Protein backbone atom coordinates (compact mmCIF):
# COMPACT_ATOMS: atom_id res chain seq x y z
CA MET A 1 124.48 64.98 136.06
CA LEU A 2 120.77 65.81 136.35
CA THR A 3 118.57 63.96 133.90
CA ARG A 4 116.15 66.30 132.23
CA TYR A 5 112.66 65.65 133.47
CA ARG A 6 110.42 68.03 131.52
CA SER A 7 109.99 69.16 127.95
CA SER A 8 110.43 72.81 127.16
CA ASP A 9 108.09 74.32 124.62
CA CYS A 10 110.79 74.40 121.94
CA GLU A 11 111.52 70.67 122.28
CA ARG A 12 107.89 69.67 122.35
CA SER A 13 107.30 71.64 119.14
CA ARG A 14 110.21 69.80 117.48
CA LEU A 15 108.40 66.51 117.98
CA THR A 16 104.92 67.72 117.02
CA SER A 17 105.74 70.05 114.13
CA VAL A 18 107.04 67.21 111.96
CA GLY A 19 103.51 65.77 111.89
CA LEU A 20 104.65 62.50 113.40
CA ARG A 21 101.95 59.92 112.68
CA ASN A 22 101.87 56.36 113.90
CA ALA A 23 101.86 53.86 111.04
CA PHE A 24 100.33 51.19 113.30
CA LEU A 25 96.80 50.97 114.61
CA THR A 26 96.50 51.19 118.37
CA SER A 27 94.54 48.62 120.30
CA GLY A 28 91.49 50.85 120.06
CA GLY A 29 91.73 50.94 116.28
CA HIS A 30 92.72 54.61 116.15
CA LEU A 31 95.75 56.30 114.66
CA LEU A 32 97.88 58.26 117.09
CA VAL A 33 99.23 61.70 116.22
CA ALA A 34 102.15 63.16 118.17
CA SER A 35 100.47 66.54 118.63
CA ASP A 36 97.55 64.78 120.37
CA VAL A 37 99.71 62.49 122.49
CA PHE A 38 101.94 65.36 123.66
CA LYS A 39 99.27 68.04 124.07
CA ASP A 40 99.43 67.78 127.88
CA GLY A 41 103.21 67.34 128.02
CA VAL A 42 105.74 64.94 126.60
CA ARG A 43 105.85 61.40 128.04
CA THR A 44 108.77 59.14 127.21
CA PHE A 45 110.81 56.22 128.51
CA LEU A 46 114.49 57.13 128.95
CA GLY A 47 113.89 60.16 126.74
CA ARG A 48 114.18 57.70 123.89
CA ALA A 49 110.73 56.43 122.89
CA THR A 50 107.01 57.07 123.36
CA ALA A 51 104.26 54.49 123.77
CA GLY A 52 102.20 54.06 120.62
CA PHE A 53 105.06 54.89 118.25
CA PRO A 54 106.93 51.64 117.59
CA ASN A 55 110.33 51.71 115.89
CA ILE A 56 110.67 55.46 116.44
CA LEU A 57 113.67 56.36 118.56
CA TYR A 58 114.97 59.88 119.16
CA VAL A 59 118.05 61.36 120.77
CA TYR A 60 118.89 64.61 122.55
CA GLY A 61 115.21 65.27 123.19
CA PRO A 62 112.88 65.79 126.14
CA GLN A 63 113.39 63.78 129.31
CA SER A 64 116.90 62.86 128.21
CA PRO A 65 120.27 64.11 129.54
CA SER A 66 120.45 67.04 127.14
CA ALA A 67 120.19 70.54 128.61
CA PHE A 68 122.67 70.09 131.46
CA CYS A 69 125.38 68.06 129.82
CA ASN A 70 128.02 68.49 127.16
CA GLY A 71 125.83 68.36 124.06
CA PRO A 72 128.04 66.56 121.51
CA THR A 73 129.24 64.03 124.08
CA CYS A 74 125.75 63.14 125.26
CA ALA A 75 124.37 63.05 121.72
CA GLU A 76 127.14 60.59 120.81
CA LEU A 77 126.34 58.39 123.81
CA GLU A 78 122.64 58.41 122.96
CA GLY A 79 123.43 57.63 119.33
CA ASP A 80 125.50 54.65 120.44
CA TRP A 81 122.53 53.44 122.51
CA VAL A 82 120.27 53.54 119.44
CA ILE A 83 122.88 51.76 117.29
CA ASN A 84 123.29 49.03 119.90
CA ALA A 85 119.52 48.61 120.14
CA ILE A 86 119.15 48.25 116.37
CA SER A 87 122.08 45.84 116.23
CA HIS A 88 120.52 43.74 118.98
CA MET A 89 117.22 43.60 117.07
CA ARG A 90 118.95 42.61 113.83
CA ASP A 91 121.04 39.90 115.51
CA ASN A 92 117.95 38.40 117.15
CA ASN A 93 115.53 38.74 114.21
CA LEU A 94 113.38 41.29 116.06
CA THR A 95 111.31 43.68 113.96
CA ARG A 96 109.63 45.90 116.53
CA ILE A 97 110.74 47.93 119.53
CA GLU A 98 108.21 49.88 121.55
CA THR A 99 107.92 51.23 125.06
CA GLU A 100 104.86 50.91 127.27
CA ALA A 101 102.80 53.54 129.07
CA GLU A 102 103.66 51.95 132.42
CA ALA A 103 107.37 52.40 131.71
CA GLU A 104 106.73 56.06 130.82
CA ASP A 105 104.95 56.58 134.13
CA GLU A 106 107.81 55.03 136.08
CA TRP A 107 110.36 57.14 134.22
CA HIS A 108 108.29 60.27 134.81
CA GLU A 109 108.02 59.59 138.56
CA HIS A 110 111.75 58.91 138.74
CA LEU A 111 112.59 62.20 137.07
CA GLU A 112 110.10 64.10 139.22
CA GLY A 113 111.80 62.70 142.31
CA LEU A 114 115.22 63.80 141.08
CA ALA A 115 113.99 67.27 140.19
CA ASN A 116 112.12 67.77 143.47
CA ALA A 117 115.37 67.20 145.35
CA THR A 118 116.89 70.26 143.65
CA THR A 119 116.10 73.96 143.33
CA PHE A 120 115.70 73.78 139.54
CA LYS A 121 111.90 73.87 139.76
CA LEU A 122 112.08 77.17 141.63
CA ALA A 123 113.98 78.92 138.85
CA ASN A 124 112.29 81.11 136.27
CA SER A 125 114.12 79.81 133.20
CA TRP A 126 113.43 78.32 129.79
CA TYR A 127 114.25 74.95 131.34
CA MET A 128 111.07 75.31 133.38
CA ASN A 129 109.04 76.48 130.38
CA ALA A 130 109.45 80.17 131.19
CA ASN A 131 109.73 80.70 127.44
CA VAL A 132 105.95 80.21 127.49
CA PRO A 133 105.02 83.21 129.68
CA GLY A 134 103.08 82.27 132.77
CA ILE A 135 102.71 78.57 132.00
CA GLU A 136 104.53 77.42 135.12
CA THR A 137 102.94 79.95 137.47
CA ALA A 138 99.35 79.58 136.29
CA ASP A 139 96.95 77.59 138.43
CA TYR A 140 94.51 76.00 136.03
CA GLN A 141 92.27 73.03 135.38
CA VAL A 142 91.02 71.56 132.12
CA VAL A 143 87.37 70.53 132.44
CA GLU A 144 84.95 69.22 129.83
CA VAL A 145 81.19 69.70 130.22
CA ALA A 146 78.19 69.71 127.93
CA HIS A 147 77.44 73.00 126.18
CA THR A 148 74.20 73.59 128.05
CA VAL A 149 73.12 76.33 130.43
CA GLU A 150 72.75 73.79 133.25
CA ALA A 151 76.16 72.20 132.81
CA LEU A 152 77.92 75.54 132.38
CA THR A 153 76.15 76.99 135.41
CA GLY A 154 77.48 74.13 137.49
CA LEU A 155 80.97 74.72 136.10
CA PHE A 156 80.88 78.48 136.75
CA THR A 157 79.35 78.31 140.24
CA GLY A 158 81.90 79.57 142.74
CA ALA A 159 83.82 81.55 140.13
CA SER A 160 83.73 85.35 139.85
CA VAL A 161 84.71 86.01 136.24
CA VAL A 162 84.29 84.14 132.95
CA LEU A 163 86.50 85.11 130.00
CA ASN A 164 84.89 83.61 126.91
CA THR A 165 87.10 83.05 123.84
CA VAL A 166 84.93 80.53 121.97
CA GLY A 167 83.37 81.84 118.76
CA PRO A 168 81.44 82.32 116.66
CA PHE A 169 79.88 83.93 119.71
CA ALA A 170 76.44 84.39 118.18
CA LYS A 171 76.30 80.58 117.90
CA PHE A 172 78.07 79.43 121.06
CA GLY A 173 77.69 82.44 123.35
CA PRO A 174 74.07 82.46 124.59
CA GLU A 175 74.47 79.44 126.87
CA VAL A 176 77.63 80.91 128.36
CA VAL A 177 76.03 84.29 129.09
CA GLN A 178 72.93 82.72 130.63
CA ALA A 179 75.11 80.47 132.79
CA CYS A 180 77.15 83.48 133.95
CA LEU A 181 73.97 85.24 134.99
CA ALA A 182 72.74 82.16 136.85
CA ALA A 183 76.10 81.60 138.56
CA LYS A 184 76.54 85.32 139.30
CA CYS A 185 79.74 85.75 137.28
CA HIS A 186 81.07 88.77 135.42
CA TYR A 187 81.38 88.09 131.68
CA THR A 188 83.90 89.25 129.07
CA ASP A 189 84.74 87.96 125.60
CA THR A 190 86.89 88.77 122.58
CA THR A 191 84.15 89.10 119.98
CA GLY A 192 83.92 91.51 117.11
CA GLU A 193 80.54 90.18 115.99
CA GLN A 194 78.35 93.26 115.97
CA ASP A 195 75.09 91.31 115.96
CA TRP A 196 76.24 89.49 119.10
CA LEU A 197 76.99 92.78 120.87
CA ILE A 198 73.58 94.16 119.95
CA THR A 199 71.96 90.97 121.30
CA LEU A 200 73.87 91.26 124.57
CA ASP A 201 72.97 94.92 124.94
CA THR A 202 69.27 94.50 124.26
CA GLN A 203 68.58 91.09 125.83
CA TYR A 204 71.01 90.76 128.72
CA GLY A 205 72.41 94.20 129.61
CA ALA A 206 69.65 95.17 132.05
CA LYS A 207 69.64 91.73 133.69
CA PHE A 208 73.39 91.87 134.35
CA ALA A 209 73.09 95.44 135.66
CA GLN A 210 70.30 94.41 138.04
CA ALA A 211 72.52 91.59 139.34
CA GLY A 212 75.46 93.97 139.76
CA LEU A 213 77.48 92.09 137.13
CA LEU A 214 79.59 93.30 134.23
CA LEU A 215 78.74 92.21 130.67
CA SER A 216 81.73 93.30 128.57
CA PRO A 217 82.08 91.75 125.10
CA GLY A 218 84.74 92.70 122.57
CA LEU A 219 87.64 93.13 124.98
CA ALA A 220 90.39 92.62 122.39
CA GLN A 221 93.07 94.49 120.46
CA MET A 222 91.01 95.03 117.33
CA TYR A 223 88.33 96.84 119.31
CA THR A 224 89.59 98.01 122.71
CA THR A 225 92.87 99.56 121.57
CA GLY A 226 90.94 101.62 119.01
CA GLU A 227 88.43 102.53 121.70
CA ILE A 228 91.28 103.76 123.90
CA ALA A 229 92.35 106.06 121.05
CA ALA A 230 88.76 107.27 120.65
CA GLN A 231 88.39 107.96 124.36
CA LEU A 232 91.63 109.97 124.34
CA CYS A 233 90.21 112.09 121.52
CA LEU A 234 86.93 112.56 123.39
CA GLU A 235 88.76 114.12 126.30
CA THR A 236 88.49 117.21 124.08
CA PRO A 237 84.95 118.57 124.58
CA GLY A 238 82.63 119.16 121.65
CA LEU A 239 83.58 116.19 119.45
CA ASP A 240 80.67 114.01 118.34
CA THR A 241 81.94 112.02 115.32
CA LEU A 242 84.43 109.14 115.33
CA ASP A 243 86.19 107.87 112.20
CA ILE A 244 88.11 104.77 113.27
CA ALA A 245 90.64 102.62 111.40
CA VAL A 246 92.07 99.41 112.84
CA PHE A 247 94.89 97.48 111.18
CA TRP A 248 97.19 94.68 112.19
CA GLY A 249 99.84 92.45 110.68
CA GLY A 250 99.87 88.68 110.51
CA SER A 251 97.17 86.09 109.94
CA PRO A 252 94.06 85.21 111.95
CA THR A 253 93.82 81.95 113.86
CA ILE A 254 91.69 79.04 112.67
CA ALA A 255 88.87 80.01 115.03
CA SER A 256 89.08 83.71 114.12
CA THR A 257 88.88 82.88 110.42
CA GLN A 258 85.72 80.87 110.98
CA THR A 259 84.18 83.61 113.11
CA ILE A 260 85.01 86.30 110.55
CA LEU A 261 83.56 84.33 107.63
CA VAL A 262 80.42 83.21 109.44
CA ASN A 263 79.73 86.71 110.70
CA ALA A 264 80.32 88.28 107.27
CA ALA A 265 77.98 85.81 105.59
CA MET A 266 75.18 85.62 108.16
CA ALA A 267 74.93 89.07 109.76
CA LYS A 268 74.52 92.68 108.68
CA ALA A 269 77.11 95.36 109.48
CA TYR A 270 76.11 98.79 110.82
CA TYR A 271 77.68 102.17 111.46
CA LEU A 272 76.22 104.85 113.70
CA GLU A 273 74.67 107.95 112.13
CA GLN A 274 72.93 110.49 114.33
CA ASN A 275 72.71 107.83 117.00
CA GLN A 276 70.93 105.34 114.72
CA TYR A 277 72.25 102.14 113.21
CA VAL A 278 72.67 102.40 109.44
CA GLU A 279 73.61 99.36 107.35
CA TRP A 280 76.87 99.37 105.42
CA GLN A 281 76.41 98.75 101.70
CA PRO A 282 76.93 94.97 101.48
CA ASP A 283 78.47 94.95 97.99
CA ALA A 284 80.65 98.06 98.34
CA GLY A 285 83.83 95.98 98.20
CA LEU A 286 87.17 97.15 99.55
CA TYR A 287 87.87 100.65 100.83
CA HIS A 288 91.23 102.41 100.38
CA LEU A 289 92.52 104.14 103.49
CA ALA A 290 95.55 106.30 104.24
CA ILE A 291 97.28 104.73 107.23
CA PRO A 292 99.54 106.73 109.56
CA GLY A 293 103.18 105.76 109.27
CA GLN A 294 103.22 104.60 105.65
CA HIS A 295 102.83 106.07 102.17
CA GLU A 296 100.99 103.14 100.63
CA THR A 297 97.25 103.04 101.11
CA ALA A 298 95.74 100.03 102.84
CA LEU A 299 92.69 97.98 101.94
CA ALA A 300 89.87 97.89 104.46
CA LEU A 301 86.43 96.45 105.10
CA PRO A 302 83.66 97.28 107.58
CA TRP A 303 84.72 94.01 109.25
CA GLY A 304 81.21 93.18 110.41
CA GLY A 305 80.68 96.72 111.72
CA THR A 306 82.86 96.04 114.80
CA SER A 307 82.05 96.78 118.42
CA HIS A 308 82.53 100.54 118.48
CA PRO A 309 79.14 101.70 117.12
CA VAL A 310 77.38 99.58 119.75
CA TRP A 311 79.57 100.81 122.60
CA PHE A 312 79.16 104.48 121.73
CA LYS A 313 75.44 104.39 120.92
CA LYS A 314 74.62 105.24 124.53
CA ASP A 315 77.47 107.72 124.98
CA PRO A 316 75.83 111.19 125.08
CA ARG A 317 78.95 112.78 123.58
CA VAL A 318 78.88 110.71 120.38
CA ALA A 319 76.40 110.71 117.50
CA ASN A 320 78.33 109.18 114.59
CA VAL A 321 80.76 106.23 114.42
CA LYS A 322 82.26 104.55 111.37
CA VAL A 323 84.90 101.84 111.55
CA LEU A 324 87.00 100.22 108.84
CA GLY A 325 89.71 97.67 109.41
CA GLY A 326 91.85 94.93 107.99
CA VAL A 327 95.23 93.29 107.85
CA PHE A 328 98.34 94.68 106.20
CA ASN A 329 98.54 91.56 104.03
CA ARG A 330 97.25 93.02 100.76
CA PRO A 331 96.76 89.71 98.88
CA LEU A 332 94.74 88.36 101.79
CA MET A 333 92.54 91.45 101.85
CA LEU A 334 92.01 91.26 98.08
CA GLY A 335 90.72 87.72 98.48
CA VAL A 336 88.27 88.33 101.33
CA PRO A 337 85.34 89.77 99.27
CA GLN A 338 85.63 86.94 96.74
CA ILE A 339 85.71 84.31 99.48
CA VAL A 340 82.65 85.77 101.19
CA ALA A 341 80.75 86.16 97.90
CA ALA A 342 81.51 82.58 96.90
CA ALA A 343 80.45 81.31 100.32
CA LEU A 344 77.18 83.23 100.15
CA LYS A 345 76.40 81.84 96.70
CA ALA A 346 77.28 78.29 97.72
CA THR A 347 75.09 78.43 100.84
CA GLU A 348 72.12 80.22 99.30
CA GLY A 349 68.82 78.63 100.34
CA MET A 350 70.34 76.60 103.19
CA ASN A 351 68.93 76.64 106.70
CA ASP A 352 71.08 78.20 109.41
CA GLU A 353 72.62 74.94 110.64
CA ASP A 354 73.56 73.71 107.18
CA ARG A 355 74.86 77.14 106.23
CA TYR A 356 77.02 77.31 109.35
CA ALA A 357 78.48 73.86 108.62
CA ALA A 358 79.24 74.85 105.02
CA LEU A 359 80.83 78.14 106.09
CA ALA A 360 82.93 76.39 108.72
CA LYS A 361 84.20 74.03 106.03
CA THR A 362 85.03 76.96 103.76
CA ALA A 363 86.86 78.70 106.60
CA ALA A 364 88.93 75.57 107.20
CA GLY A 365 89.97 75.71 103.55
CA VAL A 366 91.10 79.31 103.99
CA MET A 367 93.01 78.79 107.25
CA ASN A 368 93.62 75.28 108.57
CA THR A 369 96.87 75.80 110.47
CA MET A 370 97.61 77.99 113.43
CA PRO A 371 99.77 81.02 112.58
CA PRO A 372 103.27 81.12 114.07
CA ARG A 373 103.91 82.80 117.37
CA GLU A 374 103.76 86.55 117.13
CA ASN A 375 106.89 88.41 116.10
CA PRO A 376 106.88 92.13 117.03
CA ARG A 377 108.68 92.93 113.77
CA ILE A 378 105.87 91.35 111.75
CA ASN A 379 102.76 91.44 113.92
CA LYS A 380 102.31 95.19 114.15
CA SER A 381 99.10 97.06 114.85
CA VAL A 382 97.86 100.57 114.08
CA ASP A 383 94.74 102.13 115.59
CA SER A 384 93.87 105.54 114.18
CA VAL A 385 90.92 107.70 115.25
CA HIS A 386 89.84 111.01 113.75
CA ALA A 387 87.35 112.71 116.04
CA SER A 388 85.49 115.80 114.91
CA GLY A 389 82.76 118.19 115.94
CA PRO A 390 81.29 121.48 114.78
CA LEU A 391 84.28 123.46 116.05
CA GLY A 392 86.98 120.96 116.91
CA ARG A 393 89.21 118.17 115.69
CA ALA A 394 91.40 115.55 117.34
CA HIS A 395 93.47 112.71 115.93
CA CYS A 396 94.96 109.84 117.93
CA VAL A 397 97.25 107.09 116.65
CA ILE A 398 98.38 104.10 118.71
CA HIS A 399 101.13 101.97 117.19
CA GLY A 400 101.55 98.55 118.74
CA ASN A 401 102.65 94.98 118.19
CA CYS A 402 101.43 91.44 118.80
CA ASN A 403 97.67 91.90 118.63
CA TYR A 404 96.89 88.52 120.23
CA LYS A 405 99.16 89.34 123.14
CA GLN A 406 97.35 92.65 123.51
CA THR A 407 94.07 90.74 123.63
CA GLY A 408 95.39 88.31 126.23
CA LEU A 409 96.68 91.13 128.41
CA LEU A 410 93.41 93.06 128.21
CA GLN A 411 91.50 89.97 129.29
CA ALA A 412 93.96 89.26 132.11
CA PHE A 413 93.75 92.87 133.30
CA ALA A 414 89.95 92.66 133.34
CA ALA A 415 89.98 89.46 135.38
CA ALA A 416 92.54 90.79 137.87
CA SER A 417 90.62 94.03 138.31
CA LEU A 418 87.25 92.33 138.78
CA LEU A 419 88.69 90.00 141.40
CA GLN A 420 89.82 93.00 143.44
CA GLN A 421 87.17 95.66 142.95
CA ALA A 422 83.85 96.44 141.32
CA PRO A 423 83.89 97.71 137.74
CA ARG A 424 83.16 101.37 137.02
CA ARG A 425 79.95 100.30 135.29
CA VAL A 426 77.81 97.18 135.56
CA GLY A 427 75.59 95.71 132.90
CA PHE A 428 76.58 96.10 129.24
CA ALA A 429 79.81 98.09 128.97
CA SER A 430 82.98 98.28 126.93
CA GLY A 431 86.39 97.64 128.41
CA CYS A 432 87.11 101.37 128.65
CA GLN A 433 83.72 102.07 130.21
CA ALA A 434 84.24 99.31 132.77
CA PHE A 435 87.90 99.80 133.68
CA GLY A 436 89.01 103.19 132.34
CA HIS A 437 90.79 103.88 129.06
CA ARG A 438 93.92 105.26 130.67
CA GLU A 439 94.15 102.26 132.99
CA LEU A 440 93.97 99.85 130.04
CA LEU A 441 96.48 101.96 128.11
CA GLY A 442 98.82 101.82 131.10
CA ALA A 443 98.66 98.03 131.15
CA LEU A 444 99.46 97.78 127.43
CA ARG A 445 102.29 100.29 127.77
CA SER A 446 103.81 98.56 130.80
CA PHE A 447 104.13 95.30 128.87
CA GLY A 448 105.69 96.98 125.84
CA LEU A 449 102.77 96.22 123.52
CA VAL A 450 101.90 99.76 122.41
CA MET A 451 103.76 103.04 121.97
CA GLU A 452 102.83 106.31 123.60
CA PRO A 453 99.73 107.53 121.72
CA VAL A 454 100.28 110.34 119.22
CA LEU A 455 97.50 112.80 119.95
CA THR A 456 96.93 116.08 118.10
CA ARG A 457 94.13 118.53 118.76
CA GLN A 458 92.61 121.47 116.91
CA ALA A 459 89.99 123.46 118.71
């Protein structure tokens, strides 16, 4: 019988999702939390206990003989072990049982040795964490450096591409972009902060172009998938106006919630009219949109203006771009204007640093837990683009699912492409401008994340 040597994602989540908290102070005077202890993988002794959590014993868990044995039989044996341990403590007036980190290390090395003597580690199965796509085949390092241009330049030197996912980007992005330029790296991010895109275009676009590097912010489902739909419409000549709607199901992450709130409270939102930026009416409230595929109207917001007006400002085919978007969760959308208005009132008169801190605290009150893993039946997306011109019309709809997976795939495609060939455009460019809209669509289609676009034309 092979003793299980590694925790699958499902078993690790069982231990961390209960919010296991140590009731004893560690030697450093800090409380231990299971999600912190297990963040880099579960460590146990005998699959029975973890250092720092006295008097907590578990059975049929990670690093125990569970997956490759008769479940009820092994669970009974492990239960007997726990009963015998408790009985021994009671008989000998012992009040505490706890393993040590050294014992965990020895147990880990023992199990690694057993596993390395088999072919189990070569299999692509849930046992080897294949239920977390790519986790066992990825070659990665976790490195911590100061958030300075110098430190980040040193970190990036020798790399070719930096994919930035740390927002709010207007606050944390400048050092990363400057470091990419110094280290000669292509740059992409997942932003939807319109002010950040305008800053990149005006302050860094020419510098990246001169260095032969790509500067591509906003490579994400909420922006790129809609841009793909727009580019499909623009294959019809004579269209100069884009009316874009972007919707998705589910809830934003903790970081996304903070980025959305900070951007809504601290930056203006623009649409493109006759190739000029025009500010959205700040107090217009919610818009009601007809969404393809459903009878009920959906609630929408300018969502900070989004990336599209910035991307298309230098496209000679396009003069006008308006974008509205939101989530299908109607109660959540109804609450957004009130949350933003309250945050603005509460932070009135503050300097930027104090306002950011207050907004971050408000965002944590709105969303302080990570949403569950995406479910294609719940986390749906719809990108709809009406394109028009003096004598023509086109409409493109792309139905999809799992917007965060779409974002991850778009970023991965960008990195893989840049490692193999030069982008179609250097300097400031959208994902479609850099890699091709049909190429990006093909990647999303091949992974089952979007349907075939529904494209209708009138000319």
